């Protein structure tokens, strides 16, 4: 876990390493200290929850920030205390930044039809550590999100 050193965030639960992990694994409820083991656990948890998540949303569903929190909590809620909550620090893995801290209301309304299939394909690609498709999906959401934030 690489830190910028710019701000003091070690008091935040999502910015604490698991004791014994030499700073390579985030503090977790399973007390896993090896990065590869955590990668396997996260992938297994995703495989288990995937069917449940697919049943939670209809074809016409418009994803919201609350949905993303629910998905994250369902997937990793028994691994990380902070799963499904808005972050106070930015977290990245292998150069891919996950949900940005304090960014609420990312507008996913553009993810419909073909774009929705691209989103789920991007999630699956991310499980294989290919983060480029997800970067593309999130970049496509930013213009509408920015426009809505300027309006408010």
Protein backbone atom coordinates (compact mmCIF):
# COMPACT_ATOMS: atom_id res chain seq x y z
CA UNK A 1 0.00 0.00 0.00
CA UNK A 2 1.64 3.15 -1.25
CA UNK A 3 0.90 6.35 0.66
CA UNK A 4 1.50 9.86 -0.57
CA UNK A 5 2.50 11.18 2.84
CA UNK A 6 0.59 14.34 2.09
CA UNK A 7 -2.13 13.81 4.70
CA UNK A 8 -2.38 11.91 7.96
CA UNK A 9 -5.03 9.23 7.46
CA UNK A 10 -3.74 6.33 9.54
CA UNK A 11 -6.63 6.81 12.00
CA UNK A 12 -9.13 5.85 9.30
CA UNK A 13 -10.14 2.20 9.24
CA UNK A 14 -9.85 1.89 5.43
CA UNK A 15 -6.25 3.17 5.53
CA UNK A 16 -4.86 0.68 8.03
CA UNK A 17 -2.76 -2.32 7.04
CA UNK A 18 -3.44 -5.72 8.52
CA UNK A 19 -0.92 -6.35 11.32
CA UNK A 20 1.75 -8.75 10.07
CA UNK A 21 1.15 -7.96 6.39
CA UNK A 22 4.14 -5.59 6.10
CA UNK A 23 1.71 -3.00 4.74
CA UNK A 24 0.66 -5.15 1.76
CA UNK A 25 -2.89 -6.01 2.83
CA UNK A 26 -5.60 -3.74 4.21
CA UNK A 27 -6.89 -4.43 7.72
CA UNK A 28 -9.56 -7.08 7.34
CA UNK A 29 -12.01 -9.07 9.43
CA UNK A 30 -10.39 -12.37 8.39
CA UNK A 31 -6.89 -11.28 9.55
CA UNK A 32 -5.37 -12.30 6.22
CA UNK A 33 -1.79 -11.06 5.89
CA UNK A 34 -0.73 -12.31 2.44
CA UNK A 35 -1.73 -10.34 -0.65
CA UNK A 36 -2.18 -13.39 -2.87
CA UNK A 37 -4.44 -15.03 -0.32
CA UNK A 38 -6.55 -11.85 -0.17
CA UNK A 39 -6.76 -11.75 -3.97
CA UNK A 40 -8.11 -15.32 -3.93
CA UNK A 41 -10.60 -14.56 -1.14
CA UNK A 42 -11.91 -11.47 -2.96
CA UNK A 43 -12.28 -13.43 -6.22
CA UNK A 44 -14.06 -16.30 -4.46
CA UNK A 45 -16.41 -13.89 -2.68
CA UNK A 46 -17.22 -12.25 -6.02
CA UNK A 47 -18.01 -15.61 -7.62
CA UNK A 48 -20.31 -16.50 -4.72
CA UNK A 49 -22.20 -13.19 -4.68
CA UNK A 50 -22.42 -12.71 -8.45
CA UNK A 51 -25.64 -14.71 -8.89
CA UNK A 52 -27.31 -12.91 -6.00
CA UNK A 53 -26.32 -9.53 -7.43
CA UNK A 54 -27.63 -10.43 -10.89
CA UNK A 55 -31.00 -11.25 -9.30
CA UNK A 56 -31.14 -7.94 -7.43
CA UNK A 57 -31.43 -5.75 -10.50
CA UNK A 58 -33.79 -5.84 -13.45
CA UNK A 59 -32.78 -5.12 -17.02
CA UNK A 60 -34.35 -1.67 -16.73
CA UNK A 61 -32.64 -0.79 -13.44
CA UNK A 62 -30.73 2.49 -13.27
CA UNK A 63 -27.73 2.16 -11.01
CA UNK A 64 -27.21 4.67 -8.25
CA UNK A 65 -24.42 5.34 -5.77
CA UNK A 66 -26.50 3.47 -3.17
CA UNK A 67 -26.54 0.41 -5.47
CA UNK A 68 -22.77 0.45 -5.73
CA UNK A 69 -22.52 0.62 -1.94
CA UNK A 70 -24.93 -2.32 -1.66
CA UNK A 71 -22.95 -4.35 -4.20
CA UNK A 72 -19.70 -3.65 -2.37
CA UNK A 73 -21.23 -4.54 1.01
CA UNK A 74 -22.73 -7.79 -0.34
CA UNK A 75 -19.42 -8.73 -1.95
CA UNK A 76 -16.89 -7.77 0.73
CA UNK A 77 -18.91 -7.06 3.87
CA UNK A 78 -17.51 -10.03 5.74
CA UNK A 79 -13.94 -9.14 4.67
CA UNK A 80 -13.68 -5.39 5.34
CA UNK A 81 -15.37 -3.43 8.11
CA UNK A 82 -15.81 -0.48 5.75
CA UNK A 83 -17.27 -2.40 2.79
CA UNK A 84 -20.23 -0.58 1.30
CA UNK A 85 -19.41 2.74 2.96
CA UNK A 86 -18.17 5.94 1.40
CA UNK A 87 -14.40 6.12 1.74
CA UNK A 88 -12.43 8.86 3.43
CA UNK A 89 -9.21 7.99 1.55
CA UNK A 90 -8.57 6.97 -2.06
CA UNK A 91 -7.75 3.31 -2.53
CA UNK A 92 -6.03 1.75 -5.54
CA UNK A 93 -4.72 -1.65 -6.48
CA UNK A 94 -2.15 -2.31 -9.19
CA UNK A 95 -2.59 1.22 -10.54
CA UNK A 96 -6.40 1.13 -10.65
CA UNK A 97 -8.19 3.63 -8.39
CA UNK A 98 -11.40 2.43 -6.84
CA UNK A 99 -14.23 4.71 -5.75
CA UNK A 100 -12.80 8.10 -4.96
CA UNK A 101 -13.12 9.38 -1.41
CA UNK A 102 -15.93 11.82 -0.78
CA UNK A 103 -17.27 11.48 -4.34
CA UNK A 104 -20.97 10.82 -3.98
CA UNK A 105 -23.59 10.41 -6.60
CA UNK A 106 -21.52 9.22 -9.56
CA UNK A 107 -24.13 9.20 -12.30
CA UNK A 108 -24.53 5.73 -13.79
CA UNK A 109 -27.70 6.56 -15.76
CA UNK A 110 -25.73 6.21 -19.00
CA UNK A 111 -25.07 2.54 -18.24
CA UNK A 112 -27.99 0.97 -20.05
CA UNK A 113 -28.38 -1.61 -22.80
CA UNK A 114 -25.02 -2.35 -24.42
CA UNK A 115 -23.21 -0.16 -21.86
CA UNK A 116 -24.66 -2.28 -19.03
CA UNK A 117 -23.16 -5.41 -20.59
CA UNK A 118 -19.86 -3.54 -20.93
CA UNK A 119 -20.05 -2.64 -17.23
CA UNK A 120 -20.50 -6.27 -16.12
CA UNK A 121 -17.76 -7.38 -18.52
CA UNK A 122 -15.51 -4.70 -16.99
CA UNK A 123 -16.23 -6.01 -13.49
CA UNK A 124 -15.31 -9.52 -14.62
CA UNK A 125 -12.15 -8.26 -16.34
CA UNK A 126 -11.20 -6.51 -13.10
CA UNK A 127 -11.37 -9.83 -11.27
CA UNK A 128 -8.64 -10.96 -13.66
CA UNK A 129 -6.67 -7.79 -12.84
CA UNK A 130 -7.45 -6.16 -16.20
CA UNK A 131 -8.66 -2.73 -15.08
CA UNK A 132 -8.69 -0.91 -18.42
CA UNK A 133 -12.36 -1.76 -19.23
CA UNK A 134 -13.50 -0.41 -15.83
CA UNK A 135 -11.47 2.78 -16.33
CA UNK A 136 -13.35 3.26 -19.61
CA UNK A 137 -16.74 2.72 -17.90
CA UNK A 138 -16.00 5.21 -15.13
CA UNK A 139 -14.62 7.79 -17.55
CA UNK A 140 -17.90 7.56 -19.46
CA UNK A 141 -19.83 8.42 -16.26
CA UNK A 142 -17.77 11.46 -15.32
CA UNK A 143 -19.07 14.07 -17.81
CA UNK A 144 -22.73 13.63 -16.79
CA UNK A 145 -21.75 13.53 -13.12
CA UNK A 146 -19.78 16.75 -13.44
CA UNK A 147 -22.65 18.47 -15.27
CA UNK A 148 -25.09 17.48 -12.52
CA UNK A 149 -22.72 18.65 -9.77
CA UNK A 150 -22.31 22.05 -11.47
CA UNK A 151 -26.11 22.41 -11.64
CA UNK A 152 -26.43 21.94 -7.87
